[in-house]
Amino acid sequence: MIKLKKSKRHEKILELIARYEIETQEELQDRLNEEGFSVTQATVSRDIKDLRLIKTASLNGGYYYTVNHSGKSGREELAFKWMSFVCCP
C-alpha cells in the first residue's frame, strides 16, 4: 500500500512540474496537498531526490524543478554543460 501511494505521488509530482514552474519545495508541497496528498517537507525532499529532479533557470531569473533526463546528478550535469561550453563550442 505504501509503495502504491508513493508511486502515485511520484506520478503526480511529475505531472505538476510539467504543468507549472514550481520553484520551491514548499510550493510543491502545497500543490500536492491541494491534490489530496498529505505530505511533509521531508517527504517532498525525499521524493525530489528519488526522482532526481533538478532546478532549471527560468526566463524570469528564478529556478524551477524539472526532470533530469541525462541521468547525471545536478552537479554532474552542471559540470558537463560547463565543460561543453568552455572546451568545445
PDB file of N, CA and C in Angstrom:
ATOM      1  N   MET A   1       0.818  -1.194   0.000  1.00  0.00           N
ATOM      2  CA  MET A   1       0.000   0.000   0.000  1.00  0.00           C
ATOM      3  C   MET A   1       0.864   1.261   0.000  1.00  0.00           C
ATOM      4  N   ILE A   2       1.922   1.297   0.805  1.00  0.00           N
ATOM      5  CA  ILE A   2       2.786   2.478   0.867  1.00  0.00           C
ATOM      6  C   ILE A   2       3.484   2.693  -0.471  1.00  0.00           C
ATOM      7  N   LYS A   3       3.986   1.615  -1.094  1.00  0.00           N
ATOM      8  CA  LYS A   3       4.658   1.767  -2.381  1.00  0.00           C
ATOM      9  C   LYS A   3       3.707   2.301  -3.437  1.00  0.00           C
ATOM     10  N   LEU A   4       2.457   1.837  -3.416  1.00  0.00           N
ATOM     11  CA  LEU A   4       1.470   2.326  -4.359  1.00  0.00           C
ATOM     12  C   LEU A   4       1.245   3.821  -4.144  1.00  0.00           C
ATOM     13  N   LYS A   5       1.098   4.225  -2.897  1.00  0.00           N
ATOM     14  CA  LYS A   5       0.891   5.637  -2.581  1.00  0.00           C
ATOM     15  C   LYS A   5       2.094   6.460  -3.038  1.00  0.00           C
ATOM     16  N   LYS A   6       3.283   5.934  -2.799  1.00  0.00           N
ATOM     17  CA  LYS A   6       4.498   6.641  -3.191  1.00  0.00           C
ATOM     18  C   LYS A   6       4.571   6.760  -4.709  1.00  0.00           C
ATOM     19  N   SER A   7       4.266   5.697  -5.424  1.00  0.00           N
ATOM     20  CA  SER A   7       4.343   5.755  -6.887  1.00  0.00           C
ATOM     21  C   SER A   7       3.293   6.715  -7.442  1.00  0.00           C
ATOM     22  N   LYS A   8       2.106   6.738  -6.847  1.00  0.00           N
ATOM     23  CA  LYS A   8       1.066   7.694  -7.270  1.00  0.00           C
ATOM     24  C   LYS A   8       1.515   9.126  -7.001  1.00  0.00           C
ATOM     25  N   ARG A   9       2.147   9.331  -5.846  1.00  0.00           N
ATOM     26  CA  ARG A   9       2.644  10.665  -5.501  1.00  0.00           C
ATOM     27  C   ARG A   9       3.727  11.093  -6.486  1.00  0.00           C
ATOM     28  N   HIS A  10       4.630  10.171  -6.822  1.00  0.00           N
ATOM     29  CA  HIS A  10       5.677  10.473  -7.796  1.00  0.00           C
ATOM     30  C   HIS A  10       5.075  10.829  -9.153  1.00  0.00           C
ATOM     31  N   GLU A  11       4.059  10.094  -9.570  1.00  0.00           N
ATOM     32  CA  GLU A  11       3.367  10.409 -10.820  1.00  0.00           C
ATOM     33  C   GLU A  11       2.795  11.818 -10.774  1.00  0.00           C
ATOM     34  N   LYS A  12       2.174  12.161  -9.650  1.00  0.00           N
ATOM     35  CA  LYS A  12       1.567  13.483  -9.500  1.00  0.00           C
ATOM     36  C   LYS A  12       2.632  14.571  -9.502  1.00  0.00           C
ATOM     37  N   ILE A  13       3.769  14.331  -8.856  1.00  0.00           N
ATOM     38  CA  ILE A  13       4.861  15.310  -8.856  1.00  0.00           C
ATOM     39  C   ILE A  13       5.323  15.571 -10.289  1.00  0.00           C
ATOM     40  N   LEU A  14       5.521  14.515 -11.055  1.00  0.00           N
ATOM     41  CA  LEU A  14       5.966  14.685 -12.440  1.00  0.00           C
ATOM     42  C   LEU A  14       4.919  15.448 -13.254  1.00  0.00           C
ATOM     43  N   GLU A  15       3.658  15.167 -13.003  1.00  0.00           N
ATOM     44  CA  GLU A  15       2.584  15.896 -13.684  1.00  0.00           C
ATOM     45  C   GLU A  15       2.609  17.382 -13.307  1.00  0.00           C
ATOM     46  N   LEU A  16       2.780  17.661 -12.017  1.00  0.00           N
ATOM     47  CA  LEU A  16       2.768  19.046 -11.544  1.00  0.00           C
ATOM     48  C   LEU A  16       3.945  19.848 -12.087  1.00  0.00           C
ATOM     49  N   ILE A  17       5.147  19.243 -12.090  1.00  0.00           N
ATOM     50  CA  ILE A  17       6.292  20.014 -12.574  1.00  0.00           C
ATOM     51  C   ILE A  17       6.259  20.178 -14.088  1.00  0.00           C
ATOM     52  N   ALA A  18       5.515  19.323 -14.780  1.00  0.00           N
ATOM     53  CA  ALA A  18       5.329  19.505 -16.219  1.00  0.00           C
ATOM     54  C   ALA A  18       4.333  20.631 -16.490  1.00  0.00           C
ATOM     55  N   ARG A  19       3.388  20.808 -15.598  1.00  0.00           N
ATOM     56  CA  ARG A  19       2.329  21.801 -15.786  1.00  0.00           C
ATOM     57  C   ARG A  19       2.711  23.193 -15.272  1.00  0.00           C
ATOM     58  N   TYR A  20       3.474  23.245 -14.166  1.00  0.00           N
ATOM     59  CA  TYR A  20       3.795  24.517 -13.514  1.00  0.00           C
ATOM     60  C   TYR A  20       5.302  24.660 -13.338  1.00  0.00           C
ATOM     61  N   GLU A  21       5.774  25.904 -13.281  1.00  0.00           N
ATOM     62  CA  GLU A  21       7.171  26.161 -12.934  1.00  0.00           C
ATOM     63  C   GLU A  21       7.251  26.251 -11.408  1.00  0.00           C
ATOM     64  N   ILE A  22       7.455  25.122 -10.779  1.00  0.00           N
ATOM     65  CA  ILE A  22       7.481  25.042  -9.320  1.00  0.00           C
ATOM     66  C   ILE A  22       8.892  25.347  -8.843  1.00  0.00           C
ATOM     67  N   GLU A  23       9.003  26.420  -8.054  1.00  0.00           N
ATOM     68  CA  GLU A  23      10.319  26.925  -7.662  1.00  0.00           C
ATOM     69  C   GLU A  23      10.819  26.419  -6.320  1.00  0.00           C
ATOM     70  N   THR A  24       9.919  26.022  -5.436  1.00  0.00           N
ATOM     71  CA  THR A  24      10.342  25.639  -4.087  1.00  0.00           C
ATOM     72  C   THR A  24       9.687  24.331  -3.648  1.00  0.00           C
ATOM     73  N   GLN A  25      10.311  23.707  -2.653  1.00  0.00           N
ATOM     74  CA  GLN A  25       9.722  22.508  -2.068  1.00  0.00           C
ATOM     75  C   GLN A  25       8.388  22.851  -1.411  1.00  0.00           C
ATOM     76  N   GLU A  26       8.301  24.010  -0.806  1.00  0.00           N
ATOM     77  CA  GLU A  26       7.065  24.438  -0.165  1.00  0.00           C
ATOM     78  C   GLU A  26       5.931  24.560  -1.194  1.00  0.00           C
ATOM     79  N   GLU A  27       6.234  25.126  -2.357  1.00  0.00           N
ATOM     80  CA  GLU A  27       5.219  25.233  -3.404  1.00  0.00           C
ATOM     81  C   GLU A  27       4.772  23.850  -3.878  1.00  0.00           C
ATOM     82  N   LEU A  28       5.724  22.941  -4.042  1.00  0.00           N
ATOM     83  CA  LEU A  28       5.388  21.582  -4.450  1.00  0.00           C
ATOM     84  C   LEU A  28       4.545  20.900  -3.370  1.00  0.00           C
ATOM     85  N   GLN A  29       4.919  21.086  -2.119  1.00  0.00           N
ATOM     86  CA  GLN A  29       4.152  20.526  -1.005  1.00  0.00           C
ATOM     87  C   GLN A  29       2.718  21.059  -1.023  1.00  0.00           C
ATOM     88  N   ASP A  30       2.551  22.368  -1.220  1.00  0.00           N
ATOM     89  CA  ASP A  30       1.213  22.967  -1.251  1.00  0.00           C
ATOM     90  C   ASP A  30       0.374  22.397  -2.393  1.00  0.00           C
ATOM     91  N   ARG A  31       0.979  22.256  -3.563  1.00  0.00           N
ATOM     92  CA  ARG A  31       0.234  21.721  -4.714  1.00  0.00           C
ATOM     93  C   ARG A  31      -0.149  20.254  -4.495  1.00  0.00           C
ATOM     94  N   LEU A  32       0.756  19.481  -3.899  1.00  0.00           N
ATOM     95  CA  LEU A  32       0.435  18.087  -3.589  1.00  0.00           C
ATOM     96  C   LEU A  32      -0.701  18.002  -2.578  1.00  0.00           C
ATOM     97  N   ASN A  33      -0.650  18.849  -1.562  1.00  0.00           N
ATOM     98  CA  ASN A  33      -1.716  18.865  -0.557  1.00  0.00           C
ATOM     99  C   ASN A  33      -3.050  19.238  -1.207  1.00  0.00           C
ATOM    100  N   GLU A  34      -3.037  20.199  -2.145  1.00  0.00           N
ATOM    101  CA  GLU A  34      -4.259  20.584  -2.868  1.00  0.00           C
ATOM    102  C   GLU A  34      -4.812  19.421  -3.684  1.00  0.00           C
ATOM    103  N   GLU A  35      -3.921  18.535  -4.140  1.00  0.00           N
ATOM    104  CA  GLU A  35      -4.320  17.381  -4.949  1.00  0.00           C
ATOM    105  C   GLU A  35      -4.719  16.169  -4.092  1.00  0.00           C
ATOM    106  N   GLY A  36      -4.698  16.357  -2.757  1.00  0.00           N
ATOM    107  CA  GLY A  36      -5.145  15.289  -1.868  1.00  0.00           C
ATOM    108  C   GLY A  36      -4.038  14.424  -1.282  1.00  0.00           C
ATOM    109  N   PHE A  37      -2.792  14.789  -1.518  1.00  0.00           N
ATOM    110  CA  PHE A  37      -1.660  14.061  -0.929  1.00  0.00           C
ATOM    111  C   PHE A  37      -1.207  14.827   0.309  1.00  0.00           C
ATOM    112  N   SER A  38      -1.337  14.215   1.465  1.00  0.00           N
ATOM    113  CA  SER A  38      -0.914  14.843   2.701  1.00  0.00           C
ATOM    114  C   SER A  38       0.579  14.547   2.896  1.00  0.00           C
ATOM    115  N   VAL A  39       1.415  15.553   2.608  1.00  0.00           N
ATOM    116  CA  VAL A  39       2.865  15.343   2.649  1.00  0.00           C
ATOM    117  C   VAL A  39       3.539  16.412   3.500  1.00  0.00           C
ATOM    118  N   THR A  40       4.688  16.052   4.030  1.00  0.00           N
ATOM    119  CA  THR A  40       5.526  16.993   4.768  1.00  0.00           C
ATOM    120  C   THR A  40       6.655  17.459   3.857  1.00  0.00           C
ATOM    121  N   GLN A  41       7.368  18.463   4.305  1.00  0.00           N
ATOM    122  CA  GLN A  41       8.519  18.955   3.543  1.00  0.00           C
ATOM    123  C   GLN A  41       9.572  17.874   3.426  1.00  0.00           C
ATOM    124  N   ALA A  42       9.739  17.077   4.463  1.00  0.00           N
ATOM    125  CA  ALA A  42      10.732  15.997   4.433  1.00  0.00           C
ATOM    126  C   ALA A  42      10.382  14.975   3.353  1.00  0.00           C
ATOM    127  N   THR A  43       9.094  14.650   3.221  1.00  0.00           N
ATOM    128  CA  THR A  43       8.659  13.713   2.185  1.00  0.00           C
ATOM    129  C   THR A  43       8.920  14.290   0.805  1.00  0.00           C
ATOM    130  N   VAL A  44       8.601  15.560   0.620  1.00  0.00           N
ATOM    131  CA  VAL A  44       8.846  16.216  -0.676  1.00  0.00           C
ATOM    132  C   VAL A  44      10.342  16.195  -0.999  1.00  0.00           C
ATOM    133  N   SER A  45      11.157  16.475  -0.011  1.00  0.00           N
ATOM    134  CA  SER A  45      12.602  16.459  -0.211  1.00  0.00           C
ATOM    135  C   SER A  45      13.085  15.083  -0.657  1.00  0.00           C
ATOM    136  N   ARG A  46      12.596  14.026  -0.002  1.00  0.00           N
ATOM    137  CA  ARG A  46      12.972  12.658  -0.395  1.00  0.00           C
ATOM    138  C   ARG A  46      12.479  12.331  -1.803  1.00  0.00           C
ATOM    139  N   ASP A  47      11.265  12.760  -2.119  1.00  0.00           N
ATOM    140  CA  ASP A  47      10.720  12.495  -3.452  1.00  0.00           C
ATOM    141  C   ASP A  47      11.549  13.188  -4.535  1.00  0.00           C
ATOM    142  N   ILE A  48      11.967  14.409  -4.281  1.00  0.00           N
ATOM    143  CA  ILE A  48      12.802  15.142  -5.242  1.00  0.00           C
ATOM    144  C   ILE A  48      14.102  14.384  -5.475  1.00  0.00           C
ATOM    145  N   LYS A  49      14.677  13.866  -4.397  1.00  0.00           N
ATOM    146  CA  LYS A  49      15.912  13.089  -4.519  1.00  0.00           C
ATOM    147  C   LYS A  49      15.653  11.776  -5.259  1.00  0.00           C
ATOM    148  N   ASP A  50      14.583  11.073  -4.897  1.00  0.00           N
ATOM    149  CA  ASP A  50      14.245   9.803  -5.551  1.00  0.00           C
ATOM    150  C   ASP A  50      14.029   9.980  -7.049  1.00  0.00           C
ATOM    151  N   LEU A  51      13.358  11.071  -7.423  1.00  0.00           N
ATOM    152  CA  LEU A  51      13.049  11.328  -8.828  1.00  0.00           C
ATOM    153  C   LEU A  51      14.210  11.996  -9.580  1.00  0.00           C
ATOM    154  N   ARG A  52      15.254  12.352  -8.820  1.00  0.00           N
ATOM    155  CA  ARG A  52      16.441  13.015  -9.377  1.00  0.00           C
ATOM    156  C   ARG A  52      16.073  14.288 -10.132  1.00  0.00           C
ATOM    157  N   LEU A  53      15.184  15.071  -9.510  1.00  0.00           N
ATOM    158  CA  LEU A  53      14.792  16.333 -10.114  1.00  0.00           C
ATOM    159  C   LEU A  53      15.924  17.340  -9.973  1.00  0.00           C
ATOM    160  N   ILE A  54      15.992  18.235 -10.931  1.00  0.00           N
ATOM    161  CA  ILE A  54      16.995  19.299 -10.895  1.00  0.00           C
ATOM    162  C   ILE A  54      16.281  20.625 -11.074  1.00  0.00           C
ATOM    163  N   LYS A  55      16.977  21.698 -10.782  1.00  0.00           N
ATOM    164  CA  LYS A  55      16.417  23.028 -11.000  1.00  0.00           C
ATOM    165  C   LYS A  55      16.991  23.596 -12.287  1.00  0.00           C
ATOM    166  N   THR A  56      16.117  24.229 -13.052  1.00  0.00           N
ATOM    167  CA  THR A  56      16.466  24.814 -14.337  1.00  0.00           C
ATOM    168  C   THR A  56      16.149  26.302 -14.282  1.00  0.00           C
ATOM    169  N   ALA A  57      16.990  27.110 -14.914  1.00  0.00           N
ATOM    170  CA  ALA A  57      16.766  28.554 -14.927  1.00  0.00           C
ATOM    171  C   ALA A  57      15.517  28.898 -15.728  1.00  0.00           C
ATOM    172  N   SER A  58      14.722  29.801 -15.176  1.00  0.00           N
ATOM    173  CA  SER A  58      13.522  30.266 -15.883  1.00  0.00           C
ATOM    174  C   SER A  58      13.802  31.621 -16.518  1.00  0.00           C
ATOM    175  N   LEU A  59      12.921  32.056 -17.371  1.00  0.00           N
ATOM    176  CA  LEU A  59      13.082  33.339 -18.054  1.00  0.00           C
ATOM    177  C   LEU A  59      12.964  34.523 -17.108  1.00  0.00           C
ATOM    178  N   ASN A  60      12.303  34.338 -15.960  1.00  0.00           N
ATOM    179  CA  ASN A  60      12.139  35.442 -15.006  1.00  0.00           C
ATOM    180  C   ASN A  60      13.310  35.548 -14.026  1.00  0.00           C
ATOM    181  N   GLY A  61      14.341  34.737 -14.210  1.00  0.00           N
ATOM    182  CA  GLY A  61      15.522  34.807 -13.358  1.00  0.00           C
ATOM    183  C   GLY A  61      15.509  33.837 -12.190  1.00  0.00           C
ATOM    184  N   GLY A  62      14.417  33.127 -11.990  1.00  0.00           N
ATOM    185  CA  GLY A  62      14.343  32.144 -10.909  1.00  0.00           C
ATOM    186  C   GLY A  62      14.744  30.764 -11.403  1.00  0.00           C
ATOM    187  N   TYR A  63      14.476  29.782 -10.585  1.00  0.00           N
ATOM    188  CA  TYR A  63      14.769  28.387 -10.927  1.00  0.00           C
ATOM    189  C   TYR A  63      13.547  27.548 -10.587  1.00  0.00           C
ATOM    190  N   TYR A  64      13.294  26.527 -11.390  1.00  0.00           N
ATOM    191  CA  TYR A  64      12.159  25.643 -11.152  1.00  0.00           C
ATOM    192  C   TYR A  64      12.577  24.201 -11.359  1.00  0.00           C
ATOM    193  N   TYR A  65      11.806  23.289 -10.759  1.00  0.00           N
ATOM    194  CA  TYR A  65      12.124  21.867 -10.821  1.00  0.00           C
ATOM    195  C   TYR A  65      11.785  21.290 -12.191  1.00  0.00           C
ATOM    196  N   THR A  66      12.691  20.462 -12.698  1.00  0.00           N
ATOM    197  CA  THR A  66      12.478  19.736 -13.943  1.00  0.00           C
ATOM    198  C   THR A  66      13.030  18.321 -13.792  1.00  0.00           C
ATOM    199  N   VAL A  67      12.675  17.478 -14.739  1.00  0.00           N
ATOM    200  CA  VAL A  67      13.182  16.112 -14.761  1.00  0.00           C
ATOM    201  C   VAL A  67      14.589  16.132 -15.332  1.00  0.00           C
ATOM    202  N   ASN A  68      15.481  15.401 -14.697  1.00  0.00           N
ATOM    203  CA  ASN A  68      16.858  15.277 -15.165  1.00  0.00           C
ATOM    204  C   ASN A  68      16.915  14.131 -16.171  1.00  0.00           C
ATOM    205  N   HIS A  69      16.868  14.471 -17.453  1.00  0.00           N
ATOM    206  CA  HIS A  69      16.831  13.444 -18.496  1.00  0.00           C
ATOM    207  C   HIS A  69      18.195  12.811 -18.762  1.00  0.00           C
ATOM    208  N   SER A  70      19.256  13.437 -18.291  1.00  0.00           N
ATOM    209  CA  SER A  70      20.594  12.919 -18.592  1.00  0.00           C
ATOM    210  C   SER A  70      20.984  11.733 -17.714  1.00  0.00           C
ATOM    211  N   GLY A  71      20.318  11.581 -16.575  1.00  0.00           N
ATOM    212  CA  GLY A  71      20.691  10.517 -15.649  1.00  0.00           C
ATOM    213  C   GLY A  71      21.839  10.928 -14.733  1.00  0.00           C
ATOM    214  N   LYS A  72      22.418  12.101 -14.956  1.00  0.00           N
ATOM    215  CA  LYS A  72      23.501  12.597 -14.108  1.00  0.00           C
ATOM    216  C   LYS A  72      22.892  13.352 -12.930  1.00  0.00           C
ATOM    217  N   SER A  73      23.671  13.497 -11.854  1.00  0.00           N
ATOM    218  CA  SER A  73      23.214  14.318 -10.743  1.00  0.00           C
ATOM    219  C   SER A  73      23.227  15.775 -11.199  1.00  0.00           C
ATOM    220  N   GLY A  74      22.595  16.639 -10.436  1.00  0.00           N
ATOM    221  CA  GLY A  74      22.562  18.063 -10.784  1.00  0.00           C
ATOM    222  C   GLY A  74      23.956  18.648 -10.946  1.00  0.00           C
ATOM    223  N   ARG A  75      24.862  18.297 -10.038  1.00  0.00           N
ATOM    224  CA  ARG A  75      26.233  18.820 -10.117  1.00  0.00           C
ATOM    225  C   ARG A  75      26.974  18.255 -11.323  1.00  0.00           C
ATOM    226  N   GLU A  76      26.769  16.967 -11.586  1.00  0.00           N
ATOM    227  CA  GLU A  76      27.414  16.355 -12.759  1.00  0.00           C
ATOM    228  C   GLU A  76      26.901  17.003 -14.045  1.00  0.00           C
ATOM    229  N   GLU A  77      25.604  17.260 -14.104  1.00  0.00           N
ATOM    230  CA  GLU A  77      25.012  17.886 -15.282  1.00  0.00           C
ATOM    231  C   GLU A  77      25.567  19.292 -15.476  1.00  0.00           C
ATOM    232  N   LEU A  78      25.657  20.063 -14.396  1.00  0.00           N
ATOM    233  CA  LEU A  78      26.204  21.409 -14.477  1.00  0.00           C
ATOM    234  C   LEU A  78      27.656  21.374 -14.938  1.00  0.00           C
ATOM    235  N   ALA A  79      28.453  20.474 -14.381  1.00  0.00           N
ATOM    236  CA  ALA A  79      29.856  20.352 -14.783  1.00  0.00           C
ATOM    237  C   ALA A  79      29.964  19.961 -16.257  1.00  0.00           C
ATOM    238  N   PHE A  80      29.103  19.049 -16.707  1.00  0.00           N
ATOM    239  CA  PHE A  80      29.112  18.627 -18.103  1.00  0.00           C
ATOM    240  C   PHE A  80      28.788  19.805 -19.028  1.00  0.00           C
ATOM    241  N   LYS A  81      27.746  20.574 -18.683  1.00  0.00           N
ATOM    242  CA  LYS A  81      27.379  21.732 -19.504  1.00  0.00           C
ATOM    243  C   LYS A  81      28.500  22.763 -19.520  1.00  0.00           C
ATOM    244  N   TRP A  82      29.121  22.996 -18.363  1.00  0.00           N
ATOM    245  CA  TRP A  82      30.201  23.967 -18.273  1.00  0.00           C
ATOM    246  C   TRP A  82      31.381  23.536 -19.137  1.00  0.00           C
ATOM    247  N   MET A  83      31.761  22.271 -19.032  1.00  0.00           N
ATOM    248  CA  MET A  83      32.891  21.776 -19.824  1.00  0.00           C
ATOM    249  C   MET A  83      32.571  21.828 -21.322  1.00  0.00           C
ATOM    250  N   SER A  84      31.345  21.539 -21.696  1.00  0.00           N
ATOM    251  CA  SER A  84      30.955  21.601 -23.090  1.00  0.00           C
ATOM    252  C   SER A  84      31.036  23.034 -23.609  1.00  0.00           C
ATOM    253  N   PHE A  85      30.657  23.980 -22.768  1.00  0.00           N
ATOM    254  CA  PHE A  85      30.681  25.387 -23.149  1.00  0.00           C
ATOM    255  C   PHE A  85      32.110  25.906 -23.266  1.00  0.00           C
ATOM    256  N   VAL A  86      32.946  25.569 -22.290  1.00  0.00           N
ATOM    257  CA  VAL A  86      34.310  26.088 -22.229  1.00  0.00           C
ATOM    258  C   VAL A  86      35.233  25.385 -23.222  1.00  0.00           C
ATOM    259  N   CYS A  87      35.141  24.076 -23.280  1.00  0.00           N
ATOM    260  CA  CYS A  87      36.109  23.291 -24.055  1.00  0.00           C
ATOM    261  C   CYS A  87      35.742  23.121 -25.519  1.00  0.00           C
ATOM    262  N   CYS A  88      34.480  22.955 -25.780  1.00  0.00           N
ATOM    263  CA  CYS A  88      34.111  22.511 -27.124  1.00  0.00           C
ATOM    264  C   CYS A  88      32.917  23.286 -27.666  1.00  0.00           C
ATOM    265  N   PRO A  89      33.118  24.531 -28.034  1.00  0.00           N
ATOM    266  CA  PRO A  89      31.980  25.337 -28.510  1.00  0.00           C
ATOM    267  C   PRO A  89      31.380  24.801 -29.789  1.00  0.00           C
TER     268      PRO A  89
END
